[in-house]
Amino acid sequence: MALQPLLLHLAFLRLGTTGPLVQGRGFRSQTVAWPSFFDFNWPQEVQETIQIPNNGSAPLLVDVQVFVSNVFNVDILRYTLSSMLLLRLSWLDSRLAWNTSVHPQHAVTLPWDSLWTPGLTIQEALWVDWQDQSPRARVDPDGHVILYLALTTETNCDFELLHFPRDQSDCNLSFYALSNTVLELEFRARAVNEIVSVKREYVVRDLKTQVPPQQLVPCFQVTLRLQNTALKAVIALLVPGEALLLADMCGGLLPLRATERIAYKVTLLLGYLVFHSSLVQALPSSSSCNPLLIYYFTVLLLLLSVSTMETVLLAALPARGNLSPAPRGEQQDRGDPGPHPAEAPRVKGSRRSWAEAADHIFFLVYVVGVVCSQFFFIGFWMWATCKSDPAPGKAIPHGGQPRL
């Protein structure tokens, strides 16, 4: 074949292209600087090398190893994460094989654009940054090709946040070769976890790959299982909420007649309102399966509101009863300008004792209700499940991914 000496001469003499021959995602396109003294029909032959190798009736098998070196910038409010990957692609191209007895070279490196390479697109990617703009492929004497691609990408992820901050989610990275069909190309993928840093809020607990069946184009999928360490959320959210609730229960021990009790309760309620407003901005929202903490802190707000209203009402009713005068007509008929001076303290004391008894009963009921609500929430947290609504691209009959 005239192609083989051409490629070997280019490799041995270190002549060839100065930039990619075809455009790719994240790569720049330049012209090809071939040597002028080769008198071959090289334009047609070079065009043949960038076509997918023919593997007979079977599709070309490309082995893919995905090395995950870092996962960072996990943003649950935007439902995104960033990751650093290294792809090792290998396949067999018999057109690049040569006779080692004639050319005693164990391997050569060629520009990636001088031979066929699978063009990959990440379906969930917002952006992709290829680290090497001009990668080179290693070719063995038998035509076995190895290509390394390093990239950093930010992708979408459907986080399952029902049990936030102890949530666990599976994030997918789907690689598609849109320029080929499943009859021409097939992937066999596996993933390797090379993350050495564990100082992250979200850590990668598992890593797996799969080849989705019945696709129109060749693809493989990498799944990252992320788990929240929960330390930051517990300190910033749960501890302040429980502390306010405990302080409110302690406020019920203050005497009902003490004016400081109303001020104490109102101050706690206003402080929790400020905390709740910032909490709403910190917690993510979703069309389905919202975090249970949203409902939990809403219940805490209702408990604090009921406790404050009870204090205000029971403290105000005896005072209003003492200030309300008797009807004027009844006082003129009896000839008595008002209640007897000896009966006034008795009426005032009876109303006050009634209010204090009601306050004591409410305090006991309130404490029991708060404790029971905490146990109920813990049990609901452990056993509650939620299934998110299907995505519009997968819902039937509204849509669906194309299938063969």
Protein backbone atom coordinates (compact mmCIF):
# COMPACT_ATOMS: atom_id res chain seq x y z
CA MET A 1 0.00 0.00 0.00
CA ALA A 2 1.28 3.47 -0.88
CA LEU A 3 -0.29 4.89 2.27
CA GLN A 4 1.92 2.99 4.68
CA PRO A 5 5.29 4.32 3.42
CA LEU A 6 3.81 7.80 3.38
CA LEU A 7 2.79 7.71 7.03
CA LEU A 8 6.02 6.07 8.11
CA HIS A 9 8.16 8.63 6.31
CA LEU A 10 6.17 11.40 7.94
CA ALA A 11 6.65 9.85 11.36
CA PHE A 12 10.35 9.12 10.98
CA LEU A 13 11.25 12.46 9.42
CA ARG A 14 8.95 14.29 11.90
CA LEU A 15 7.14 15.93 9.04
CA GLY A 16 3.40 16.28 8.88
CA THR A 17 0.65 18.56 9.92
CA THR A 18 1.04 21.68 12.01
CA GLY A 19 -2.51 21.59 13.27
CA PRO A 20 -5.74 19.61 13.18
CA LEU A 21 -7.06 18.73 9.75
CA VAL A 22 -10.70 18.74 10.75
CA GLN A 23 -12.53 20.82 13.32
CA GLY A 24 -13.51 19.32 16.60
CA ARG A 25 -15.16 20.60 19.71
CA GLY A 26 -12.62 22.75 21.47
CA PHE A 27 -9.97 22.34 18.75
CA ARG A 28 -8.76 24.90 16.26
CA SER A 29 -8.48 24.21 12.54
CA GLN A 30 -5.31 24.91 10.57
CA THR A 31 -3.97 24.00 7.17
CA VAL A 32 -1.85 20.94 6.48
CA ALA A 33 1.83 21.35 5.64
CA TRP A 34 2.75 18.21 3.74
CA PRO A 35 6.24 17.89 2.17
CA SER A 36 6.27 18.72 -1.51
CA PHE A 37 8.86 16.12 -2.61
CA PHE A 38 6.55 13.10 -2.07
CA ASP A 39 5.26 12.24 -5.51
CA PHE A 40 2.25 10.16 -4.33
CA ASN A 41 -1.41 10.60 -4.90
CA TRP A 42 -1.50 11.70 -1.25
CA PRO A 43 -4.73 13.80 -1.10
CA GLN A 44 -6.88 10.76 -1.81
CA GLU A 45 -4.88 8.49 0.51
CA VAL A 46 -4.91 10.96 3.38
CA GLN A 47 -8.64 11.31 2.92
CA GLU A 48 -8.93 7.53 3.26
CA THR A 49 -7.05 7.52 6.57
CA ILE A 50 -9.57 9.85 8.23
CA GLN A 51 -12.46 7.56 7.32
CA ILE A 52 -13.52 4.97 9.87
CA PRO A 53 -11.63 1.68 9.43
CA ASN A 54 -13.59 -1.10 7.85
CA ASN A 55 -14.07 -4.06 10.19
CA GLY A 56 -16.05 -6.20 7.80
CA SER A 57 -19.62 -6.96 8.82
CA ALA A 58 -18.97 -6.11 12.49
CA PRO A 59 -18.69 -2.55 13.84
CA LEU A 60 -15.30 -1.20 14.80
CA LEU A 61 -14.67 -1.81 18.50
CA VAL A 62 -13.16 1.09 20.45
CA ASP A 63 -11.97 0.42 23.99
CA VAL A 64 -12.43 3.41 26.28
CA GLN A 65 -10.90 3.88 29.70
CA VAL A 66 -12.20 6.88 31.65
CA PHE A 67 -9.90 8.09 34.43
CA VAL A 68 -11.74 10.46 36.80
CA SER A 69 -9.14 12.60 38.58
CA ASN A 70 -11.29 15.28 40.24
CA VAL A 71 -14.89 16.31 40.87
CA PHE A 72 -15.42 19.84 42.15
CA ASN A 73 -17.79 22.83 42.13
CA VAL A 74 -20.88 20.77 42.97
CA ASP A 75 -23.65 23.39 42.87
CA ILE A 76 -27.02 22.04 44.00
CA LEU A 77 -28.72 25.38 43.36
CA ARG A 78 -27.77 25.28 39.66
CA TYR A 79 -27.81 21.47 39.44
CA THR A 80 -24.28 21.40 37.98
CA LEU A 81 -20.89 19.89 38.76
CA SER A 82 -17.40 20.12 37.26
CA SER A 83 -15.07 17.21 36.67
CA MET A 84 -11.63 16.46 35.24
CA LEU A 85 -11.32 13.37 33.05
CA LEU A 86 -8.70 11.53 31.04
CA LEU A 87 -9.92 9.35 28.17
CA ARG A 88 -7.80 6.52 26.78
CA LEU A 89 -9.15 5.40 23.40
CA SER A 90 -7.74 2.39 21.58
CA TRP A 91 -8.79 0.61 18.41
CA LEU A 92 -7.34 -1.38 15.50
CA ASP A 93 -6.68 0.24 12.13
CA SER A 94 -5.05 -2.32 9.86
CA ARG A 95 -4.34 0.34 7.24
CA LEU A 96 -1.63 1.78 9.54
CA ALA A 97 0.25 -1.52 10.06
CA TRP A 98 3.75 -1.94 8.67
CA ASN A 99 6.42 -4.58 8.30
CA THR A 100 8.91 -4.32 11.19
CA SER A 101 11.57 -6.14 9.15
CA VAL A 102 11.58 -3.25 6.68
CA HIS A 103 10.96 -0.45 9.17
CA PRO A 104 12.30 -1.57 12.58
CA GLN A 105 10.21 0.80 14.67
CA HIS A 106 8.25 -0.42 17.68
CA ALA A 107 5.76 2.46 17.56
CA VAL A 108 5.23 5.87 16.01
CA THR A 109 3.23 8.92 17.04
CA LEU A 110 1.04 10.68 14.51
CA PRO A 111 -1.05 13.84 14.67
CA TRP A 112 -4.60 13.03 15.63
CA ASP A 113 -5.98 14.68 12.50
CA SER A 114 -3.88 12.57 10.09
CA LEU A 115 -5.88 9.43 10.92
CA TRP A 116 -9.40 8.54 11.92
CA THR A 117 -10.39 9.27 15.53
CA PRO A 118 -13.87 9.08 17.07
CA GLY A 119 -15.43 12.50 17.58
CA LEU A 120 -17.02 12.65 21.05
CA THR A 121 -19.75 14.95 22.37
CA ILE A 122 -20.94 15.03 25.99
CA GLN A 123 -24.70 15.30 26.10
CA GLU A 124 -24.97 16.89 29.58
CA ALA A 125 -22.06 19.31 29.11
CA LEU A 126 -22.47 23.07 29.45
CA TRP A 127 -18.87 23.56 28.33
CA VAL A 128 -15.83 21.37 27.64
CA ASP A 129 -12.20 22.47 27.87
CA TRP A 130 -9.80 20.11 26.08
CA GLN A 131 -6.40 20.34 27.76
CA ASP A 132 -4.36 19.39 24.68
CA GLN A 133 -5.40 21.19 21.52
CA SER A 134 -3.23 18.97 19.31
CA PRO A 135 -3.07 15.46 20.77
CA ARG A 136 -0.96 12.78 19.14
CA ALA A 137 -1.88 9.13 18.69
CA ARG A 138 0.48 6.20 19.23
CA VAL A 139 0.42 3.58 16.47
CA ASP A 140 1.88 0.08 16.95
CA PRO A 141 3.25 -2.05 14.08
CA ASP A 142 0.07 -4.14 14.00
CA GLY A 143 -2.08 -1.01 13.49
CA HIS A 144 -3.22 -0.72 17.08
CA VAL A 145 -3.93 2.97 17.84
CA ILE A 146 -3.91 4.58 21.32
CA LEU A 147 -5.11 8.14 21.87
CA TYR A 148 -5.26 10.09 25.16
CA LEU A 149 -7.66 13.03 25.63
CA ALA A 150 -7.65 15.16 28.81
CA LEU A 151 -10.60 17.44 29.46
CA THR A 152 -12.39 19.53 32.08
CA THR A 153 -16.14 19.89 31.80
CA GLU A 154 -19.17 21.29 33.61
CA THR A 155 -22.28 19.17 33.29
CA ASN A 156 -25.88 19.09 34.44
CA CYS A 157 -26.93 16.62 37.10
CA ASP A 158 -30.39 15.76 38.44
CA PHE A 159 -29.55 15.74 42.13
CA GLU A 160 -31.88 13.74 44.38
CA LEU A 161 -32.23 16.19 47.27
CA LEU A 162 -35.14 14.69 49.21
CA HIS A 163 -32.83 13.71 52.10
CA PHE A 164 -30.59 16.78 51.91
CA PRO A 165 -28.10 17.19 53.61
CA ARG A 166 -27.60 13.40 53.62
CA ASP A 167 -28.41 13.13 49.93
CA GLN A 168 -26.90 10.77 47.39
CA SER A 169 -27.20 11.29 43.65
CA ASP A 170 -26.13 9.62 40.41
CA CYS A 171 -24.70 12.02 37.82
CA ASN A 172 -24.30 10.84 34.24
CA LEU A 173 -21.82 11.85 31.55
CA SER A 174 -23.03 10.52 28.20
CA PHE A 175 -20.44 10.44 25.40
CA TYR A 176 -21.86 10.27 21.85
CA ALA A 177 -20.06 9.74 18.53
CA LEU A 178 -22.51 11.67 16.39
CA SER A 179 -20.55 11.24 13.14
CA ASN A 180 -21.00 7.45 13.10
CA THR A 181 -23.76 4.89 13.41
CA VAL A 182 -24.05 1.81 15.61
CA LEU A 183 -23.42 -0.32 12.51
CA GLU A 184 -20.01 1.30 12.09
CA LEU A 185 -18.78 1.87 15.64
CA GLU A 186 -19.14 0.25 19.05
CA PHE A 187 -17.74 1.33 22.43
CA ARG A 188 -16.51 -0.87 25.26
CA ALA A 189 -15.93 1.37 28.27
CA ARG A 190 -14.73 1.11 31.84
CA ALA A 191 -13.98 3.76 34.46
CA VAL A 192 -11.14 4.19 36.95
CA ASN A 193 -11.44 6.33 40.07
CA GLU A 194 -8.21 8.31 40.51
CA ILE A 195 -9.53 10.97 42.90
CA VAL A 196 -6.97 11.50 45.65
CA SER A 197 -8.53 14.53 47.38
CA VAL A 198 -11.35 13.86 49.88
CA LYS A 199 -11.64 17.42 51.23
CA ARG A 200 -14.91 18.08 49.44
CA GLU A 201 -18.48 18.61 50.54
CA TYR A 202 -19.53 15.98 47.99
CA VAL A 203 -17.42 12.84 47.62
CA VAL A 204 -17.51 10.19 44.88
CA ARG A 205 -18.62 6.90 46.42
CA ASP A 206 -18.93 4.83 43.25
CA LEU A 207 -18.02 4.99 39.59
CA LYS A 208 -19.39 2.82 36.81
CA THR A 209 -19.86 2.77 33.03
CA GLN A 210 -22.44 1.31 30.71
CA VAL A 211 -23.33 1.24 27.03
CA PRO A 212 -27.03 2.18 26.66
CA PRO A 213 -28.80 -0.28 24.37
CA GLN A 214 -30.83 0.54 21.26
CA GLN A 215 -29.27 3.89 20.45
CA LEU A 216 -29.12 5.45 17.00
CA VAL A 217 -25.51 6.56 17.44
CA PRO A 218 -22.64 4.91 19.35
CA CYS A 219 -22.39 6.06 22.95
CA PHE A 220 -21.20 5.13 26.41
CA GLN A 221 -22.18 6.55 29.78
CA VAL A 222 -20.15 7.26 32.91
CA THR A 223 -22.10 7.43 36.19
CA LEU A 224 -20.72 9.20 39.26
CA ARG A 225 -22.38 8.47 42.59
CA LEU A 226 -21.99 11.54 44.79
CA GLN A 227 -22.71 11.64 48.51
CA ASN A 228 -23.02 14.73 50.67
CA THR A 229 -20.85 14.77 53.79
CA ALA A 230 -23.54 16.98 55.45
CA LEU A 231 -21.22 18.65 57.96
CA LYS A 232 -21.66 22.17 56.61
CA ALA A 233 -25.44 21.92 56.32
CA VAL A 234 -25.81 20.46 59.83
CA ILE A 235 -23.80 23.26 61.39
CA ALA A 236 -25.38 26.05 59.34
CA LEU A 237 -29.01 24.86 59.24
CA LEU A 238 -30.01 22.17 61.73
CA VAL A 239 -28.14 23.43 64.79
CA PRO A 240 -29.56 27.01 64.66
CA GLY A 241 -33.09 25.71 64.07
CA GLU A 242 -32.98 23.27 66.98
CA ALA A 243 -31.39 25.92 69.22
CA LEU A 244 -34.24 28.38 68.54
CA LEU A 245 -36.83 25.71 69.22
CA LEU A 246 -35.17 24.80 72.52
CA ALA A 247 -34.95 28.47 73.51
CA ASP A 248 -38.65 28.88 72.79
CA MET A 249 -39.53 25.95 75.07
CA CYS A 250 -37.36 27.45 77.81
CA GLY A 251 -39.25 30.72 77.39
CA GLY A 252 -42.41 28.97 78.48
CA LEU A 253 -40.91 28.63 81.99
CA LEU A 254 -41.03 32.40 82.48
CA PRO A 255 -44.01 33.70 84.55
CA LEU A 256 -46.96 34.76 82.47
CA ARG A 257 -47.16 38.08 84.36
CA ALA A 258 -43.56 38.95 83.44
CA THR A 259 -43.50 41.55 80.68
CA GLU A 260 -40.14 40.19 79.51
CA ARG A 261 -41.80 36.97 78.37
CA ILE A 262 -43.70 38.62 75.52
CA ALA A 263 -40.59 40.49 74.41
CA TYR A 264 -38.58 37.27 74.61
CA LYS A 265 -41.07 35.32 72.46
CA VAL A 266 -41.43 38.08 69.86
CA THR A 267 -37.64 38.44 69.59
CA LEU A 268 -37.26 34.69 68.97
CA LEU A 269 -39.99 34.74 66.33
CA LEU A 270 -38.46 37.71 64.49
CA GLY A 271 -35.01 36.11 64.63
CA TYR A 272 -36.36 32.86 63.19
CA LEU A 273 -38.13 34.76 60.40
CA VAL A 274 -34.79 36.24 59.36
CA PHE A 275 -33.19 32.78 59.57
CA HIS A 276 -36.02 31.24 57.55
CA SER A 277 -35.72 33.83 54.77
CA SER A 278 -32.01 33.09 54.35
CA LEU A 279 -32.74 29.36 54.59
CA VAL A 280 -35.12 29.49 51.64
CA GLN A 281 -32.35 30.97 49.49
CA ALA A 282 -29.80 28.38 50.63
CA LEU A 283 -31.95 25.31 49.98
CA PRO A 284 -32.54 24.17 46.39
CA SER A 285 -36.00 23.91 44.90
CA SER A 286 -37.31 21.39 42.42
CA SER A 287 -40.44 20.60 40.46
CA SER A 288 -40.69 17.33 42.42
CA CYS A 289 -39.14 15.74 45.51
CA ASN A 290 -38.15 18.93 47.33
CA PRO A 291 -35.86 18.56 50.37
CA LEU A 292 -37.62 17.46 53.54
CA LEU A 293 -35.83 20.24 55.40
CA ILE A 294 -38.06 22.80 53.69
CA TYR A 295 -41.15 21.26 55.29
CA TYR A 296 -39.34 20.73 58.59
CA PHE A 297 -38.35 24.37 59.00
CA THR A 298 -41.84 25.47 57.95
CA VAL A 299 -43.28 23.36 60.79
CA LEU A 300 -40.79 25.00 63.18
CA LEU A 301 -42.00 28.40 62.05
CA LEU A 302 -45.61 27.41 62.77
CA LEU A 303 -44.68 26.09 66.24
CA LEU A 304 -42.90 29.33 67.15
CA SER A 305 -45.84 31.37 65.85
CA VAL A 306 -48.38 29.37 67.90
CA SER A 307 -46.24 29.68 71.02
CA THR A 308 -45.91 33.44 70.62
CA MET A 309 -49.63 33.93 69.98
CA GLU A 310 -50.51 31.86 73.05
CA THR A 311 -48.32 34.04 75.26
CA VAL A 312 -49.77 37.26 73.88
CA LEU A 313 -53.41 36.11 74.22
CA LEU A 314 -53.16 34.71 77.74
CA ALA A 315 -51.26 37.78 78.92
CA ALA A 316 -53.71 40.20 77.31
CA LEU A 317 -57.07 38.64 78.32
CA PRO A 318 -56.76 39.21 82.12
CA ALA A 319 -55.54 42.75 81.54
CA ARG A 320 -58.48 43.56 79.26
CA GLY A 321 -60.91 42.05 81.81
CA ASN A 322 -59.54 44.28 84.56
CA LEU A 323 -59.83 47.40 82.44
CA SER A 324 -63.40 46.84 81.16
CA PRO A 325 -65.97 48.76 83.37
CA ALA A 326 -69.40 47.45 84.34
CA PRO A 327 -72.41 48.63 82.30
CA ARG A 328 -73.52 52.20 83.30
CA GLY A 329 -77.21 51.38 83.51
CA GLU A 330 -76.62 48.45 85.88
CA GLN A 331 -74.53 50.67 88.16
CA GLN A 332 -77.32 53.35 88.35
CA ASP A 333 -80.08 50.77 89.09
CA ARG A 334 -78.15 49.27 91.98
CA GLY A 335 -76.87 52.62 93.15
CA ASP A 336 -73.40 51.12 93.28
CA PRO A 337 -70.66 53.02 91.37
CA GLY A 338 -68.59 49.82 90.88
CA PRO A 339 -67.58 46.52 92.36
CA HIS A 340 -66.98 46.33 96.06
CA PRO A 341 -63.36 47.08 96.95
CA ALA A 342 -63.07 43.72 98.73
CA GLU A 343 -64.30 41.77 95.66
CA ALA A 344 -61.88 43.36 93.12
CA PRO A 345 -58.75 41.45 94.22
CA ARG A 346 -60.76 38.21 94.33
CA VAL A 347 -61.97 38.63 90.70
CA LYS A 348 -58.53 39.67 89.55
CA GLY A 349 -56.90 36.72 91.28
CA SER A 350 -59.36 34.23 89.80
CA ARG A 351 -58.78 35.47 86.29
CA ARG A 352 -55.04 35.39 86.77
CA SER A 353 -55.08 31.87 88.18
CA TRP A 354 -57.21 30.74 85.23
CA ALA A 355 -54.73 32.22 82.73
CA GLU A 356 -51.75 30.67 84.50
CA ALA A 357 -53.44 27.25 84.60
CA ALA A 358 -54.20 27.47 80.86
CA ASP A 359 -50.60 28.55 80.20
CA HIS A 360 -49.25 25.61 82.22
CA ILE A 361 -51.44 23.14 80.31
CA PHE A 362 -50.40 24.66 76.97
CA PHE A 363 -46.72 24.45 77.96
CA LEU A 364 -46.99 20.72 78.70
CA VAL A 365 -48.89 20.06 75.48
CA TYR A 366 -46.40 22.18 73.53
CA VAL A 367 -43.37 20.32 74.89
CA VAL A 368 -44.95 16.94 74.15
CA GLY A 369 -45.90 18.11 70.65
CA VAL A 370 -42.38 19.36 69.91
CA VAL A 371 -40.74 16.13 71.11
CA CYS A 372 -43.20 13.98 69.15
CA SER A 373 -42.69 16.08 66.02
CA GLN A 374 -38.92 15.52 66.23
CA PHE A 375 -39.32 11.74 66.47
CA PHE A 376 -41.90 11.77 63.69
CA PHE A 377 -39.57 13.73 61.43
CA ILE A 378 -36.66 11.36 62.13
CA GLY A 379 -38.78 8.34 61.23
CA PHE A 380 -40.17 10.04 58.15
CA TRP A 381 -36.64 11.03 57.12
CA MET A 382 -35.44 7.43 57.33
CA TRP A 383 -38.35 5.80 55.52
CA ALA A 384 -39.66 8.43 53.11
CA THR A 385 -39.02 7.91 49.40
CA CYS A 386 -39.88 9.99 46.39
CA LYS A 387 -39.76 9.28 42.69
CA SER A 388 -39.05 12.30 40.53
CA ASP A 389 -41.24 13.08 37.57
CA PRO A 390 -39.88 11.79 34.24
CA ALA A 391 -37.93 14.24 32.14
CA PRO A 392 -39.75 15.72 29.13
CA GLY A 393 -37.30 13.94 26.82
CA LYS A 394 -38.24 10.57 28.33
CA ALA A 395 -41.92 11.08 29.08
CA ILE A 396 -44.43 9.24 26.93
CA PRO A 397 -46.36 10.29 24.83
CA HIS A 398 -44.87 13.81 25.02
CA GLY A 399 -41.49 12.72 23.72
CA GLY A 400 -38.72 10.24 24.18
CA GLN A 401 -35.19 9.51 23.09
CA PRO A 402 -34.88 8.01 19.59
CA ARG A 403 -34.64 4.25 19.53
CA LEU A 404 -33.92 1.77 16.80
